Amino acid sequence: MIQKLIDHYCRALSALMVISLLLMVVMVFGNVVMRYGFNSGLTLSEELSRWLFVWMTFMGAVVALNERAHLGTDSLIVRLPVAGQKLCLGATFVAMLFICWLIFKGSLEQTKINWDSTSAVMETSMGYFYASGVAFAVLAAPILLLNLVRLLTGQMADSELIGIRESDDMPHGDPHP
């Protein structure tokens, strides 16, 4: 049930990322055309695109975390016995939860500090910009907690202990013939 809820908010985040990317492309392209073609431009375009990019990056990190699509290396972990793999994965989840806490705490402080500051062009509270880190931490923590609980209760298959997935684009076989 919790995984279904996480999957639903990750789908919503994916849709928001698509909308953000579309808005960024339209604004930046439109601004380039206006500057070179009509010697004018939208001042809002640059700042809003930057804000959307930051929010989109944090949303994408949550989706990638849920899909276990972040980069990693498995050269040491694959050589460990299953118990060692479980120990390393558990330690990784605990470390990532701690990092989520640090991001949450720091972003919340920055949001509070900058709440009364306004952005140069949009004249919107800078707190909204820094709240992206708060949103990331709040949305990433349940994913990490669920995976940690699955690991500790034995619900995680041994095949899930190694988080690296081979890309379909990568050539198979010996890279040095």
C-alpha atoms as a PDB file:
ATOM      1  CA  MET A   1       0.000   0.000   0.000  1.00  0.00           C
ATOM      2  CA  ILE A   2       2.773   2.436   0.895  1.00  0.00           C
ATOM      3  CA  GLN A   3       4.662   1.512  -2.277  1.00  0.00           C
ATOM      4  CA  LYS A   4       1.533   2.284  -4.329  1.00  0.00           C
ATOM      5  CA  LEU A   5       1.295   5.723  -2.724  1.00  0.00           C
ATOM      6  CA  ILE A   6       4.990   6.333  -3.436  1.00  0.00           C
ATOM      7  CA  ASP A   7       4.529   5.196  -7.039  1.00  0.00           C
ATOM      8  CA  HIS A   8       1.570   7.587  -7.426  1.00  0.00           C
ATOM      9  CA  TYR A   9       3.479  10.616  -6.156  1.00  0.00           C
ATOM     10  CA  CYS A  10       6.461   9.653  -8.323  1.00  0.00           C
ATOM     11  CA  ARG A  11       4.175   9.586 -11.364  1.00  0.00           C
ATOM     12  CA  ALA A  12       2.864  13.019 -10.352  1.00  0.00           C
ATOM     13  CA  LEU A  13       6.447  14.253  -9.973  1.00  0.00           C
ATOM     14  CA  SER A  14       7.279  12.880 -13.426  1.00  0.00           C
ATOM     15  CA  ALA A  15       4.354  14.798 -14.906  1.00  0.00           C
ATOM     16  CA  LEU A  16       5.490  17.970 -13.122  1.00  0.00           C
ATOM     17  CA  MET A  17       9.004  17.439 -14.484  1.00  0.00           C
ATOM     18  CA  VAL A  18       7.658  17.160 -18.035  1.00  0.00           C
ATOM     19  CA  ILE A  19       5.640  20.356 -17.586  1.00  0.00           C
ATOM     20  CA  SER A  20       8.666  22.128 -16.069  1.00  0.00           C
ATOM     21  CA  LEU A  21      10.928  21.056 -18.910  1.00  0.00           C
ATOM     22  CA  LEU A  22       8.351  22.133 -21.482  1.00  0.00           C
ATOM     23  CA  LEU A  23       8.005  25.556 -19.838  1.00  0.00           C
ATOM     24  CA  MET A  24      11.783  25.945 -19.669  1.00  0.00           C
ATOM     25  CA  VAL A  25      12.239  25.098 -23.349  1.00  0.00           C
ATOM     26  CA  VAL A  26       9.453  27.441 -24.438  1.00  0.00           C
ATOM     27  CA  MET A  27      10.696  30.319 -22.264  1.00  0.00           C
ATOM     28  CA  VAL A  28      14.372  30.005 -23.159  1.00  0.00           C
ATOM     29  CA  PHE A  29      13.742  29.442 -26.868  1.00  0.00           C
ATOM     30  CA  GLY A  30      11.206  32.275 -26.947  1.00  0.00           C
ATOM     31  CA  ASN A  31      13.649  34.561 -25.187  1.00  0.00           C
ATOM     32  CA  VAL A  32      16.427  33.741 -27.680  1.00  0.00           C
ATOM     33  CA  VAL A  33      14.103  34.425 -30.628  1.00  0.00           C
ATOM     34  CA  MET A  34      12.927  37.685 -29.070  1.00  0.00           C
ATOM     35  CA  ARG A  35      16.481  38.879 -28.327  1.00  0.00           C
ATOM     36  CA  TYR A  36      17.931  38.108 -31.736  1.00  0.00           C
ATOM     37  CA  GLY A  37      14.846  38.692 -33.848  1.00  0.00           C
ATOM     38  CA  PHE A  38      13.177  41.616 -32.124  1.00  0.00           C
ATOM     39  CA  ASN A  39      15.908  43.080 -29.890  1.00  0.00           C
ATOM     40  CA  SER A  40      13.791  42.522 -26.774  1.00  0.00           C
ATOM     41  CA  GLY A  41      13.260  39.705 -24.312  1.00  0.00           C
ATOM     42  CA  LEU A  42      11.438  38.396 -21.287  1.00  0.00           C
ATOM     43  CA  THR A  43      13.321  39.129 -18.093  1.00  0.00           C
ATOM     44  CA  LEU A  44      11.174  36.590 -16.279  1.00  0.00           C
ATOM     45  CA  SER A  45      12.400  33.789 -18.538  1.00  0.00           C
ATOM     46  CA  GLU A  46      15.883  33.386 -17.058  1.00  0.00           C
ATOM     47  CA  GLU A  47      14.921  33.443 -13.410  1.00  0.00           C
ATOM     48  CA  LEU A  48      11.850  31.228 -13.715  1.00  0.00           C
ATOM     49  CA  SER A  49      13.797  28.730 -15.836  1.00  0.00           C
ATOM     50  CA  ARG A  50      16.483  28.545 -13.152  1.00  0.00           C
ATOM     51  CA  TRP A  51      13.858  27.949 -10.448  1.00  0.00           C
ATOM     52  CA  LEU A  52      12.117  25.285 -12.528  1.00  0.00           C
ATOM     53  CA  PHE A  53      15.459  23.579 -13.184  1.00  0.00           C
ATOM     54  CA  VAL A  54      16.274  23.373  -9.472  1.00  0.00           C
ATOM     55  CA  TRP A  55      12.827  22.024  -8.593  1.00  0.00           C
ATOM     56  CA  MET A  56      12.945  19.601 -11.527  1.00  0.00           C
ATOM     57  CA  THR A  57      16.340  18.292 -10.404  1.00  0.00           C
ATOM     58  CA  PHE A  58      15.096  17.558  -6.894  1.00  0.00           C
ATOM     59  CA  MET A  59      11.901  15.940  -8.229  1.00  0.00           C
ATOM     60  CA  GLY A  60      13.964  13.800 -10.603  1.00  0.00           C
ATOM     61  CA  ALA A  61      16.181  12.709  -7.721  1.00  0.00           C
ATOM     62  CA  VAL A  62      13.115  11.422  -5.856  1.00  0.00           C
ATOM     63  CA  VAL A  63      11.848   9.533  -8.912  1.00  0.00           C
ATOM     64  CA  ALA A  64      15.309   8.057  -9.567  1.00  0.00           C
ATOM     65  CA  LEU A  65      15.563   7.023  -5.911  1.00  0.00           C
ATOM     66  CA  ASN A  66      12.252   5.173  -6.168  1.00  0.00           C
ATOM     67  CA  GLU A  67      13.353   3.453  -9.382  1.00  0.00           C
ATOM     68  CA  ARG A  68      16.829   2.761  -7.950  1.00  0.00           C
ATOM     69  CA  ALA A  69      18.267   4.478 -11.004  1.00  0.00           C
ATOM     70  CA  HIS A  70      21.051   6.512  -9.397  1.00  0.00           C
ATOM     71  CA  LEU A  71      24.622   5.863 -10.447  1.00  0.00           C
ATOM     72  CA  GLY A  72      26.711   3.522  -8.405  1.00  0.00           C
ATOM     73  CA  THR A  73      29.464   0.983  -8.488  1.00  0.00           C
ATOM     74  CA  ASP A  74      29.191  -2.622  -7.402  1.00  0.00           C
ATOM     75  CA  SER A  75      32.727  -3.936  -7.772  1.00  0.00           C
ATOM     76  CA  LEU A  76      33.146  -4.526  -4.017  1.00  0.00           C
ATOM     77  CA  ILE A  77      29.549  -5.393  -3.079  1.00  0.00           C
ATOM     78  CA  VAL A  78      29.195  -8.250  -5.604  1.00  0.00           C
ATOM     79  CA  ARG A  79      32.184  -9.996  -4.009  1.00  0.00           C
ATOM     80  CA  LEU A  80      30.597 -10.015  -0.547  1.00  0.00           C
ATOM     81  CA  PRO A  81      28.412 -12.794   0.801  1.00  0.00           C
ATOM     82  CA  VAL A  82      24.664 -12.077   1.045  1.00  0.00           C
ATOM     83  CA  ALA A  83      24.988 -11.075   4.718  1.00  0.00           C
ATOM     84  CA  GLY A  84      27.683  -8.538   3.815  1.00  0.00           C
ATOM     85  CA  GLN A  85      25.557  -7.174   0.978  1.00  0.00           C
ATOM     86  CA  LYS A  86      22.629  -6.758   3.369  1.00  0.00           C
ATOM     87  CA  LEU A  87      24.833  -5.023   5.928  1.00  0.00           C
ATOM     88  CA  CYS A  88      26.203  -2.613   3.320  1.00  0.00           C
ATOM     89  CA  LEU A  89      22.756  -1.874   1.905  1.00  0.00           C
ATOM     90  CA  GLY A  90      21.371  -1.261   5.395  1.00  0.00           C
ATOM     91  CA  ALA A  91      24.262   1.074   6.215  1.00  0.00           C
ATOM     92  CA  THR A  92      23.645   2.858   2.908  1.00  0.00           C
ATOM     93  CA  PHE A  93      19.960   3.396   3.712  1.00  0.00           C
ATOM     94  CA  VAL A  94      20.817   4.723   7.178  1.00  0.00           C
ATOM     95  CA  ALA A  95      23.426   7.084   5.700  1.00  0.00           C
ATOM     96  CA  MET A  96      20.982   8.318   3.044  1.00  0.00           C
ATOM     97  CA  LEU A  97      18.298   8.911   5.689  1.00  0.00           C
ATOM     98  CA  PHE A  98      20.811  10.954   7.677  1.00  0.00           C
ATOM     99  CA  ILE A  99      21.674  12.951   4.558  1.00  0.00           C
ATOM    100  CA  CYS A 100      17.939  13.504   3.943  1.00  0.00           C
ATOM    101  CA  TRP A 101      17.694  14.856   7.489  1.00  0.00           C
ATOM    102  CA  LEU A 102      20.634  17.207   6.859  1.00  0.00           C
ATOM    103  CA  ILE A 103      19.112  18.423   3.585  1.00  0.00           C
ATOM    104  CA  PHE A 104      15.741  18.906   5.292  1.00  0.00           C
ATOM    105  CA  LYS A 105      17.239  20.798   8.219  1.00  0.00           C
ATOM    106  CA  GLY A 106      19.478  23.008   6.072  1.00  0.00           C
ATOM    107  CA  SER A 107      16.840  23.725   3.443  1.00  0.00           C
ATOM    108  CA  LEU A 108      14.251  24.531   6.091  1.00  0.00           C
ATOM    109  CA  GLU A 109      16.649  27.006   7.710  1.00  0.00           C
ATOM    110  CA  GLN A 110      17.410  28.597   4.337  1.00  0.00           C
ATOM    111  CA  THR A 111      13.689  28.778   3.562  1.00  0.00           C
ATOM    112  CA  LYS A 112      13.048  30.559   6.870  1.00  0.00           C
ATOM    113  CA  ILE A 113      16.021  32.908   6.449  1.00  0.00           C
ATOM    114  CA  ASN A 114      15.055  33.853   2.882  1.00  0.00           C
ATOM    115  CA  TRP A 115      11.283  33.952   3.297  1.00  0.00           C
ATOM    116  CA  ASP A 116      11.221  37.750   3.453  1.00  0.00           C
ATOM    117  CA  SER A 117      13.771  38.156   0.640  1.00  0.00           C
ATOM    118  CA  THR A 118      12.365  38.498  -2.846  1.00  0.00           C
ATOM    119  CA  SER A 119      13.852  37.403  -6.135  1.00  0.00           C
ATOM    120  CA  ALA A 120      15.211  40.099  -8.413  1.00  0.00           C
ATOM    121  CA  VAL A 121      12.837  39.735 -11.331  1.00  0.00           C
ATOM    122  CA  MET A 122       9.754  37.816 -10.193  1.00  0.00           C
ATOM    123  CA  GLU A 123       9.712  39.535  -6.796  1.00  0.00           C
ATOM    124  CA  THR A 124       8.625  36.239  -5.229  1.00  0.00           C
ATOM    125  CA  SER A 125       9.816  34.973  -1.867  1.00  0.00           C
ATOM    126  CA  MET A 126      13.179  33.254  -2.164  1.00  0.00           C
ATOM    127  CA  GLY A 127      11.856  30.819   0.421  1.00  0.00           C
ATOM    128  CA  TYR A 128      10.057  28.975  -2.380  1.00  0.00           C
ATOM    129  CA  PHE A 129      13.392  28.421  -4.114  1.00  0.00           C
ATOM    130  CA  TYR A 130      14.986  26.865  -1.026  1.00  0.00           C
ATOM    131  CA  ALA A 131      11.867  24.853  -0.213  1.00  0.00           C
ATOM    132  CA  SER A 132      12.836  22.515  -3.049  1.00  0.00           C
ATOM    133  CA  GLY A 133      15.304  20.839  -0.688  1.00  0.00           C
ATOM    134  CA  VAL A 134      12.627  20.467   1.978  1.00  0.00           C
ATOM    135  CA  ALA A 135      10.273  18.870  -0.554  1.00  0.00           C
ATOM    136  CA  PHE A 136      13.017  16.505  -1.694  1.00  0.00           C
ATOM    137  CA  ALA A 137      13.798  15.343   1.837  1.00  0.00           C
ATOM    138  CA  VAL A 138      10.122  14.877   2.747  1.00  0.00           C
ATOM    139  CA  LEU A 139       9.436  12.867  -0.430  1.00  0.00           C
ATOM    140  CA  ALA A 140      12.677  10.834  -0.412  1.00  0.00           C
ATOM    141  CA  ALA A 141      12.597   9.741   3.237  1.00  0.00           C
ATOM    142  CA  PRO A 142       9.530   7.442   2.902  1.00  0.00           C
ATOM    143  CA  ILE A 143      11.175   5.659  -0.040  1.00  0.00           C
ATOM    144  CA  LEU A 144      14.330   5.065   1.989  1.00  0.00           C
ATOM    145  CA  LEU A 145      12.404   4.043   5.115  1.00  0.00           C
ATOM    146  CA  LEU A 146      10.259   1.582   3.169  1.00  0.00           C
ATOM    147  CA  ASN A 147      13.321  -0.015   1.588  1.00  0.00           C
ATOM    148  CA  LEU A 148      15.081  -0.185   4.960  1.00  0.00           C
ATOM    149  CA  VAL A 149      12.034  -1.863   6.539  1.00  0.00           C
ATOM    150  CA  ARG A 150      11.841  -4.299   3.615  1.00  0.00           C
ATOM    151  CA  LEU A 151      15.517  -5.142   4.108  1.00  0.00           C
ATOM    152  CA  LEU A 152      15.249  -5.575   7.883  1.00  0.00           C
ATOM    153  CA  THR A 153      12.103  -7.721   7.673  1.00  0.00           C
ATOM    154  CA  GLY A 154      13.517  -9.990   4.964  1.00  0.00           C
ATOM    155  CA  GLN A 155      11.045  -8.853   2.303  1.00  0.00           C
ATOM    156  CA  MET A 156      13.820  -7.747  -0.044  1.00  0.00           C
ATOM    157  CA  ALA A 157      15.012 -10.376  -2.512  1.00  0.00           C
ATOM    158  CA  ASP A 158      18.716 -11.148  -2.742  1.00  0.00           C
ATOM    159  CA  SER A 159      18.657  -9.851  -6.325  1.00  0.00           C
ATOM    160  CA  GLU A 160      17.682  -6.397  -4.986  1.00  0.00           C
ATOM    161  CA  LEU A 161      20.742  -6.160  -2.720  1.00  0.00           C
ATOM    162  CA  ILE A 162      22.894  -4.960  -5.594  1.00  0.00           C
ATOM    163  CA  GLY A 163      21.387  -1.663  -6.701  1.00  0.00           C
ATOM    164  CA  ILE A 164      23.232  -1.382 -10.005  1.00  0.00           C
ATOM    165  CA  ARG A 165      21.313  -2.129 -13.158  1.00  0.00           C
ATOM    166  CA  GLU A 166      23.083  -2.760 -16.392  1.00  0.00           C
ATOM    167  CA  SER A 167      22.071  -0.331 -19.111  1.00  0.00           C
ATOM    168  CA  ASP A 168      20.623  -1.664 -22.352  1.00  0.00           C
ATOM    169  CA  ASP A 169      22.851   0.786 -24.197  1.00  0.00           C
ATOM    170  CA  MET A 170      26.042  -0.650 -22.746  1.00  0.00           C
ATOM    171  CA  PRO A 171      27.855  -3.226 -24.862  1.00  0.00           C
ATOM    172  CA  HIS A 172      28.033  -6.695 -23.332  1.00  0.00           C
ATOM    173  CA  GLY A 173      31.136  -8.817 -23.133  1.00  0.00           C
ATOM    174  CA  ASP A 174      34.775  -8.023 -22.559  1.00  0.00           C
ATOM    175  CA  PRO A 175      35.497  -4.306 -23.136  1.00  0.00           C
ATOM    176  CA  HIS A 176      39.171  -5.094 -23.786  1.00  0.00           C
ATOM    177  CA  PRO A 177      39.337  -7.866 -26.417  1.00  0.00           C
END
